[in-house]
Amino acid sequence: MKKDKLFYLQQNNLNIKKFMDEYFKKDVPLVFGDGMPDAKIALVGEAPGKNEVEKGKPFVGQAGKNLDEFMEILELKREEIYITNVVKFRPYKVNNKTKSISNRPPTKEEIKISEPFLKKELEILDPKLIVSLGNVPLKCLTGYESATIGEYHGKPLEINFTGETMILFPLYHPASIIYRAELKKVYLEDLYKLKEYLQSSDII
């Protein structure tokens, strides 16, 4: 069963753990995917943040609120999809003055060490459609280092990430519209394009 295979994968994440032990020099919590293993849609984000680490689930807190609009427009429930991230641990930076911790984009090294896990994860899930949020999962899943979400957003494309042909539908990350208000209209238009694609493809 997919659920058992995912559990086994999560229990044997030695490469990621070894990397983190060497890289961070301390134990860093992992945040694995969440949702229905038999889901037709897999949502792939960048990496967990503070709230995700605390709850042990992807896309909770503010990220979860951003996801609510996504689910509402598509007329889906969270439990009907599978949600994961490229990087399974929180990339963070420390302010030297205040010692406060904040999120940062994952490095190429962090993405590279995480990629085999994501590849196996999606191979097990075998979803009808992968929806990526932002540049990091787009670059990882397509293998195009120069790919930008500005170029690929809002349209399906074929990828061969797992060795089998899959369909990817790239979207801007919901968090990006918080900092760039002009993207709100584009993001909503892309969501309705996605909904139309899902319906025309009999995915939902």
C-alpha atoms as a PDB file:
ATOM      1  CA  MET A   1       0.000   0.000   0.000  1.00  0.00           C
ATOM      2  CA  LYS A   2       1.096   3.569  -0.693  1.00  0.00           C
ATOM      3  CA  LYS A   3       0.665   4.547   2.950  1.00  0.00           C
ATOM      4  CA  ASP A   4       3.045   1.799   4.087  1.00  0.00           C
ATOM      5  CA  LYS A   5       5.597   2.706   1.420  1.00  0.00           C
ATOM      6  CA  LEU A   6       5.512   6.361   2.442  1.00  0.00           C
ATOM      7  CA  PHE A   7       5.956   5.413   6.094  1.00  0.00           C
ATOM      8  CA  TYR A   8       8.960   3.239   5.221  1.00  0.00           C
ATOM      9  CA  LEU A   9      10.433   6.088   3.165  1.00  0.00           C
ATOM     10  CA  GLN A  10      10.036   8.513   6.062  1.00  0.00           C
ATOM     11  CA  GLN A  11      11.684   6.101   8.492  1.00  0.00           C
ATOM     12  CA  ASN A  12      14.680   5.607   6.229  1.00  0.00           C
ATOM     13  CA  ASN A  13      15.636   9.171   5.361  1.00  0.00           C
ATOM     14  CA  LEU A  14      19.266   8.590   6.275  1.00  0.00           C
ATOM     15  CA  ASN A  15      20.753  10.858   3.618  1.00  0.00           C
ATOM     16  CA  ILE A  16      18.771  13.874   4.789  1.00  0.00           C
ATOM     17  CA  LYS A  17      19.456  13.176   8.463  1.00  0.00           C
ATOM     18  CA  LYS A  18      23.168  12.673   7.864  1.00  0.00           C
ATOM     19  CA  PHE A  19      23.358  15.886   5.863  1.00  0.00           C
ATOM     20  CA  MET A  20      21.584  17.859   8.576  1.00  0.00           C
ATOM     21  CA  ASP A  21      23.745  16.421  11.343  1.00  0.00           C
ATOM     22  CA  GLU A  22      26.818  17.610   9.460  1.00  0.00           C
ATOM     23  CA  TYR A  23      25.358  20.849   8.127  1.00  0.00           C
ATOM     24  CA  PHE A  24      23.433  22.175  11.102  1.00  0.00           C
ATOM     25  CA  LYS A  25      25.441  20.358  13.781  1.00  0.00           C
ATOM     26  CA  LYS A  26      22.235  19.646  15.667  1.00  0.00           C
ATOM     27  CA  ASP A  27      19.029  17.697  15.330  1.00  0.00           C
ATOM     28  CA  VAL A  28      16.569  19.506  13.061  1.00  0.00           C
ATOM     29  CA  PRO A  29      12.952  18.291  12.843  1.00  0.00           C
ATOM     30  CA  LEU A  30      11.749  16.920   9.529  1.00  0.00           C
ATOM     31  CA  VAL A  31       8.323  17.810   8.174  1.00  0.00           C
ATOM     32  CA  PHE A  32       7.026  15.134   5.826  1.00  0.00           C
ATOM     33  CA  GLY A  33       4.109  15.211   3.415  1.00  0.00           C
ATOM     34  CA  ASP A  34       0.530  15.153   4.616  1.00  0.00           C
ATOM     35  CA  GLY A  35      -2.707  14.049   3.025  1.00  0.00           C
ATOM     36  CA  MET A  36      -4.275  11.164   1.181  1.00  0.00           C
ATOM     37  CA  PRO A  37      -1.694   8.810  -0.390  1.00  0.00           C
ATOM     38  CA  ASP A  38      -4.184   7.930  -3.141  1.00  0.00           C
ATOM     39  CA  ALA A  39      -4.880  11.584  -3.946  1.00  0.00           C
ATOM     40  CA  LYS A  40      -5.016  12.520  -7.617  1.00  0.00           C
ATOM     41  CA  ILE A  41      -3.338  15.853  -6.920  1.00  0.00           C
ATOM     42  CA  ALA A  42       0.013  16.399  -5.196  1.00  0.00           C
ATOM     43  CA  LEU A  43       0.896  19.916  -4.096  1.00  0.00           C
ATOM     44  CA  VAL A  44       4.632  20.648  -3.834  1.00  0.00           C
ATOM     45  CA  GLY A  45       5.933  23.713  -2.012  1.00  0.00           C
ATOM     46  CA  GLU A  46       9.407  24.939  -1.154  1.00  0.00           C
ATOM     47  CA  ALA A  47      10.176  24.113   2.484  1.00  0.00           C
ATOM     48  CA  PRO A  48       8.517  24.200   5.911  1.00  0.00           C
ATOM     49  CA  GLY A  49       8.596  27.312   8.081  1.00  0.00           C
ATOM     50  CA  LYS A  50       8.367  27.847  11.820  1.00  0.00           C
ATOM     51  CA  ASN A  51       4.674  26.912  12.127  1.00  0.00           C
ATOM     52  CA  GLU A  52       5.126  23.786  10.018  1.00  0.00           C
ATOM     53  CA  VAL A  53       7.976  22.600  12.230  1.00  0.00           C
ATOM     54  CA  GLU A  54       5.931  23.232  15.376  1.00  0.00           C
ATOM     55  CA  LYS A  55       2.885  21.368  14.039  1.00  0.00           C
ATOM     56  CA  GLY A  56       4.799  18.722  12.100  1.00  0.00           C
ATOM     57  CA  LYS A  57       2.673  19.313   8.987  1.00  0.00           C
ATOM     58  CA  PRO A  58       3.220  21.303   5.778  1.00  0.00           C
ATOM     59  CA  PHE A  59       1.177  24.419   5.042  1.00  0.00           C
ATOM     60  CA  VAL A  60      -0.231  25.357   8.433  1.00  0.00           C
ATOM     61  CA  GLY A  61      -0.383  28.761  10.133  1.00  0.00           C
ATOM     62  CA  GLN A  62      -0.195  31.640   7.647  1.00  0.00           C
ATOM     63  CA  ALA A  63       0.754  29.239   4.862  1.00  0.00           C
ATOM     64  CA  GLY A  64      -2.388  27.259   5.662  1.00  0.00           C
ATOM     65  CA  LYS A  65      -4.505  30.393   5.408  1.00  0.00           C
ATOM     66  CA  ASN A  66      -2.963  31.105   2.022  1.00  0.00           C
ATOM     67  CA  LEU A  67      -3.911  27.590   1.000  1.00  0.00           C
ATOM     68  CA  ASP A  68      -7.556  28.081   2.006  1.00  0.00           C
ATOM     69  CA  GLU A  69      -8.299  30.283  -1.003  1.00  0.00           C
ATOM     70  CA  PHE A  70      -6.597  27.749  -3.251  1.00  0.00           C
ATOM     71  CA  MET A  71      -8.807  24.949  -1.935  1.00  0.00           C
ATOM     72  CA  GLU A  72     -11.967  27.055  -2.009  1.00  0.00           C
ATOM     73  CA  ILE A  73     -11.604  28.012  -5.670  1.00  0.00           C
ATOM     74  CA  LEU A  74     -10.817  24.440  -6.698  1.00  0.00           C
ATOM     75  CA  GLU A  75     -13.712  23.189  -4.539  1.00  0.00           C
ATOM     76  CA  LEU A  76     -11.459  20.696  -2.810  1.00  0.00           C
ATOM     77  CA  LYS A  77     -10.808  19.747   0.794  1.00  0.00           C
ATOM     78  CA  ARG A  78      -7.315  19.501   2.233  1.00  0.00           C
ATOM     79  CA  GLU A  79      -7.746  15.788   2.905  1.00  0.00           C
ATOM     80  CA  GLU A  80      -8.466  15.187  -0.794  1.00  0.00           C
ATOM     81  CA  ILE A  81      -4.960  16.148  -1.883  1.00  0.00           C
ATOM     82  CA  TYR A  82      -1.410  15.328  -0.814  1.00  0.00           C
ATOM     83  CA  ILE A  83       0.797  18.210   0.316  1.00  0.00           C
ATOM     84  CA  THR A  84       4.576  18.134   0.575  1.00  0.00           C
ATOM     85  CA  ASN A  85       7.701  20.262   0.095  1.00  0.00           C
ATOM     86  CA  VAL A  86      10.909  19.869  -1.867  1.00  0.00           C
ATOM     87  CA  VAL A  87      12.988  20.369   1.288  1.00  0.00           C
ATOM     88  CA  LYS A  88      11.725  18.573   4.373  1.00  0.00           C
ATOM     89  CA  PHE A  89      13.453  20.739   6.986  1.00  0.00           C
ATOM     90  CA  ARG A  90      13.292  24.456   7.715  1.00  0.00           C
ATOM     91  CA  PRO A  91      16.042  26.523   6.081  1.00  0.00           C
ATOM     92  CA  TYR A  92      16.666  29.400   8.451  1.00  0.00           C
ATOM     93  CA  LYS A  93      19.004  32.276   9.184  1.00  0.00           C
ATOM     94  CA  VAL A  94      19.962  33.918  12.472  1.00  0.00           C
ATOM     95  CA  ASN A  95      20.140  37.680  12.912  1.00  0.00           C
ATOM     96  CA  ASN A  96      23.551  38.363  14.459  1.00  0.00           C
ATOM     97  CA  LYS A  97      22.286  41.359  16.397  1.00  0.00           C
ATOM     98  CA  THR A  98      18.926  40.191  17.703  1.00  0.00           C
ATOM     99  CA  LYS A  99      19.604  36.435  17.465  1.00  0.00           C
ATOM    100  CA  SER A 100      16.121  36.074  15.985  1.00  0.00           C
ATOM    101  CA  ILE A 101      15.511  33.211  13.562  1.00  0.00           C
ATOM    102  CA  SER A 102      13.764  33.680  10.229  1.00  0.00           C
ATOM    103  CA  ASN A 103      13.100  31.668   7.080  1.00  0.00           C
ATOM    104  CA  ARG A 104      15.325  31.807   4.015  1.00  0.00           C
ATOM    105  CA  PRO A 105      15.256  30.122   0.592  1.00  0.00           C
ATOM    106  CA  PRO A 106      16.914  26.683   0.533  1.00  0.00           C
ATOM    107  CA  THR A 107      20.396  26.491  -0.947  1.00  0.00           C
ATOM    108  CA  LYS A 108      21.259  24.406  -4.002  1.00  0.00           C
ATOM    109  CA  GLU A 109      22.987  21.911  -1.693  1.00  0.00           C
ATOM    110  CA  GLU A 110      19.884  21.580   0.493  1.00  0.00           C
ATOM    111  CA  ILE A 111      17.692  21.043  -2.562  1.00  0.00           C
ATOM    112  CA  LYS A 112      20.093  18.495  -4.027  1.00  0.00           C
ATOM    113  CA  ILE A 113      20.174  16.367  -0.861  1.00  0.00           C
ATOM    114  CA  SER A 114      16.366  16.513  -0.646  1.00  0.00           C
ATOM    115  CA  GLU A 115      15.640  15.688  -4.278  1.00  0.00           C
ATOM    116  CA  PRO A 116      15.974  11.860  -4.091  1.00  0.00           C
ATOM    117  CA  PHE A 117      13.422  11.743  -1.266  1.00  0.00           C
ATOM    118  CA  LEU A 118      10.926  13.851  -3.232  1.00  0.00           C
ATOM    119  CA  LYS A 119      11.513  11.727  -6.304  1.00  0.00           C
ATOM    120  CA  LYS A 120      10.730   8.519  -4.412  1.00  0.00           C
ATOM    121  CA  GLU A 121       7.778  10.181  -2.679  1.00  0.00           C
ATOM    122  CA  LEU A 122       6.154  11.199  -5.982  1.00  0.00           C
ATOM    123  CA  GLU A 123       6.982   7.818  -7.492  1.00  0.00           C
ATOM    124  CA  ILE A 124       4.987   6.155  -4.698  1.00  0.00           C
ATOM    125  CA  LEU A 125       2.112   8.638  -4.910  1.00  0.00           C
ATOM    126  CA  ASP A 126       1.883   8.564  -8.717  1.00  0.00           C
ATOM    127  CA  PRO A 127      -0.583  11.489  -8.809  1.00  0.00           C
ATOM    128  CA  LYS A 128      -2.577  12.487 -11.872  1.00  0.00           C
ATOM    129  CA  LEU A 129      -1.282  16.035 -11.480  1.00  0.00           C
ATOM    130  CA  ILE A 130       1.481  17.812  -9.575  1.00  0.00           C
ATOM    131  CA  VAL A 131       0.900  21.449  -8.660  1.00  0.00           C
ATOM    132  CA  SER A 132       4.085  23.326  -7.770  1.00  0.00           C
ATOM    133  CA  LEU A 133       4.174  26.581  -5.805  1.00  0.00           C
ATOM    134  CA  GLY A 134       6.985  28.989  -6.603  1.00  0.00           C
ATOM    135  CA  ASN A 135      10.405  28.794  -8.234  1.00  0.00           C
ATOM    136  CA  VAL A 136      12.114  26.183  -6.053  1.00  0.00           C
ATOM    137  CA  PRO A 137       9.799  23.233  -6.829  1.00  0.00           C
ATOM    138  CA  LEU A 138       9.521  24.358 -10.463  1.00  0.00           C
ATOM    139  CA  LYS A 139      13.293  24.216 -10.962  1.00  0.00           C
ATOM    140  CA  CYS A 140      13.588  20.948  -9.036  1.00  0.00           C
ATOM    141  CA  LEU A 141      10.762  19.119 -10.808  1.00  0.00           C
ATOM    142  CA  THR A 142      11.617  20.267 -14.339  1.00  0.00           C
ATOM    143  CA  GLY A 143      15.377  20.073 -13.947  1.00  0.00           C
ATOM    144  CA  TYR A 144      15.604  23.491 -15.594  1.00  0.00           C
ATOM    145  CA  GLU A 145      17.902  25.614 -13.451  1.00  0.00           C
ATOM    146  CA  SER A 146      17.017  28.704 -15.468  1.00  0.00           C
ATOM    147  CA  ALA A 147      13.243  28.123 -15.229  1.00  0.00           C
ATOM    148  CA  THR A 148      11.240  30.935 -13.661  1.00  0.00           C
ATOM    149  CA  ILE A 149       7.680  30.880 -12.422  1.00  0.00           C
ATOM    150  CA  GLY A 150       7.066  34.057 -14.425  1.00  0.00           C
ATOM    151  CA  GLU A 151       7.648  32.066 -17.605  1.00  0.00           C
ATOM    152  CA  TYR A 152       5.895  28.803 -16.748  1.00  0.00           C
ATOM    153  CA  HIS A 153       2.986  29.730 -14.463  1.00  0.00           C
ATOM    154  CA  GLY A 154      -0.603  28.847 -15.231  1.00  0.00           C
ATOM    155  CA  LYS A 155      -0.107  26.137 -17.848  1.00  0.00           C
ATOM    156  CA  PRO A 156       0.426  22.363 -17.708  1.00  0.00           C
ATOM    157  CA  LEU A 157       3.663  20.804 -18.894  1.00  0.00           C
ATOM    158  CA  GLU A 158       5.113  17.321 -19.040  1.00  0.00           C
ATOM    159  CA  ILE A 159       8.004  16.426 -16.747  1.00  0.00           C
ATOM    160  CA  ASN A 160      10.090  13.293 -16.298  1.00  0.00           C
ATOM    161  CA  PHE A 161      11.198  13.824 -12.699  1.00  0.00           C
ATOM    162  CA  THR A 162      10.603  10.242 -11.508  1.00  0.00           C
ATOM    163  CA  GLY A 163      11.523   8.545 -14.771  1.00  0.00           C
ATOM    164  CA  GLU A 164       7.871   8.423 -15.780  1.00  0.00           C
ATOM    165  CA  THR A 165       5.971  11.162 -17.581  1.00  0.00           C
ATOM    166  CA  MET A 166       3.907  13.293 -15.216  1.00  0.00           C
ATOM    167  CA  ILE A 167       1.955  16.513 -15.633  1.00  0.00           C
ATOM    168  CA  LEU A 168       3.048  19.599 -13.719  1.00  0.00           C
ATOM    169  CA  PHE A 169       0.971  22.755 -13.278  1.00  0.00           C
ATOM    170  CA  PRO A 170       3.182  25.543 -11.874  1.00  0.00           C
ATOM    171  CA  LEU A 171       1.701  28.374  -9.800  1.00  0.00           C
ATOM    172  CA  TYR A 172       3.120  31.365  -7.997  1.00  0.00           C
ATOM    173  CA  HIS A 173       3.587  30.682  -4.310  1.00  0.00           C
ATOM    174  CA  PRO A 174       0.589  32.065  -2.376  1.00  0.00           C
ATOM    175  CA  ALA A 175       2.984  33.878  -0.034  1.00  0.00           C
ATOM    176  CA  SER A 176       4.393  35.885  -2.947  1.00  0.00           C
ATOM    177  CA  ILE A 177       1.161  37.828  -3.341  1.00  0.00           C
ATOM    178  CA  ILE A 178       1.590  39.177   0.185  1.00  0.00           C
ATOM    179  CA  TYR A 179       4.739  41.012  -0.882  1.00  0.00           C
ATOM    180  CA  ARG A 180       3.728  41.694  -4.486  1.00  0.00           C
ATOM    181  CA  ALA A 181       0.118  42.823  -4.632  1.00  0.00           C
ATOM    182  CA  GLU A 182       0.191  42.998  -8.437  1.00  0.00           C
ATOM    183  CA  LEU A 183       0.482  39.196  -8.545  1.00  0.00           C
ATOM    184  CA  LYS A 184      -2.886  38.677  -6.848  1.00  0.00           C
ATOM    185  CA  LYS A 185      -4.827  38.983 -10.108  1.00  0.00           C
ATOM    186  CA  VAL A 186      -2.409  36.677 -11.944  1.00  0.00           C
ATOM    187  CA  TYR A 187      -2.511  34.113  -9.147  1.00  0.00           C
ATOM    188  CA  LEU A 188      -6.316  34.017  -9.130  1.00  0.00           C
ATOM    189  CA  GLU A 189      -6.457  33.745 -12.920  1.00  0.00           C
ATOM    190  CA  ASP A 190      -4.038  30.810 -12.744  1.00  0.00           C
ATOM    191  CA  LEU A 191      -6.186  29.092 -10.111  1.00  0.00           C
ATOM    192  CA  TYR A 192      -9.212  29.260 -12.380  1.00  0.00           C
ATOM    193  CA  LYS A 193      -7.108  27.958 -15.271  1.00  0.00           C
ATOM    194  CA  LEU A 194      -6.073  25.077 -13.027  1.00  0.00           C
ATOM    195  CA  LYS A 195      -9.683  24.403 -12.084  1.00  0.00           C
ATOM    196  CA  GLU A 196     -10.674  24.351 -15.745  1.00  0.00           C
ATOM    197  CA  TYR A 197      -7.810  21.969 -16.522  1.00  0.00           C
ATOM    198  CA  LEU A 198      -8.782  19.630 -13.675  1.00  0.00           C
ATOM    199  CA  GLN A 199     -12.384  19.503 -14.853  1.00  0.00           C
ATOM    200  CA  SER A 200     -11.552  19.038 -18.534  1.00  0.00           C
ATOM    201  CA  SER A 201      -9.092  16.259 -17.656  1.00  0.00           C
ATOM    202  CA  ASP A 202     -11.605  14.507 -15.365  1.00  0.00           C
ATOM    203  CA  ILE A 203      -9.180  14.770 -12.457  1.00  0.00           C
ATOM    204  CA  ILE A 204     -11.885  16.223 -10.228  1.00  0.00           C
END
